Amino acid sequence: MIKIHKWLLNNFGLKILALILAVITWAYVVVEMSKGTEEETEVLYNIFPFRIIAKSISLKANIIGEPVSGYKVITSKVALTPSQILVIGPKSVVEDLIYLQTEPIDIREYTKPLAVKVHLAPIGKLSIPYTEAIEVFIPIEKIEKDDKENSEAGS
């Protein structure tokens, strides 16, 4: 444990500097790809065959199953924290994204509101800087007698 700790902290300043320089270089290349002469742009596109973009995308809870009979999920009150994240990837993939889903959340056998932490479902070629768990609140309420009669009348 001490060796790992020592390995991580050894030359920590240089590691941070290298990370900062890498991010600056990446940002420079992305900016250069969007400007410059046709010749420069062609050279950059030959080196980097796809265009990278960043976009803020909404999150959606992937709820599976139904609560116990006599209970319902109030879908309009499902809350995720954070509700959006930054996604980085090829323009052809990122620009078409509408939302990202969490890993499946099974709500079978629940009769009370549920608060869980889950990760995002895997997403192919995308880079998502946010790696923390997503907090999801799923309100589950007992179906009132009037609600039952209305849902049975609608059937």
Foldseek 3Di string as FASTA:
>chain_A
DVVVVCVCPPPVVVVVVVVVVVVVVVVVLLVQCVDDDPVSVVVSCVVVVFHKDKDKEFEDEQEDDAEDPQKGWPRVPKDKVPGIFIKMDGCVPVVPGHHFYWPYDYRYHDQAKDWDWTFTDDDPGMDTPDGGTMIIIIGMHGQDPVNVVVVVVVD
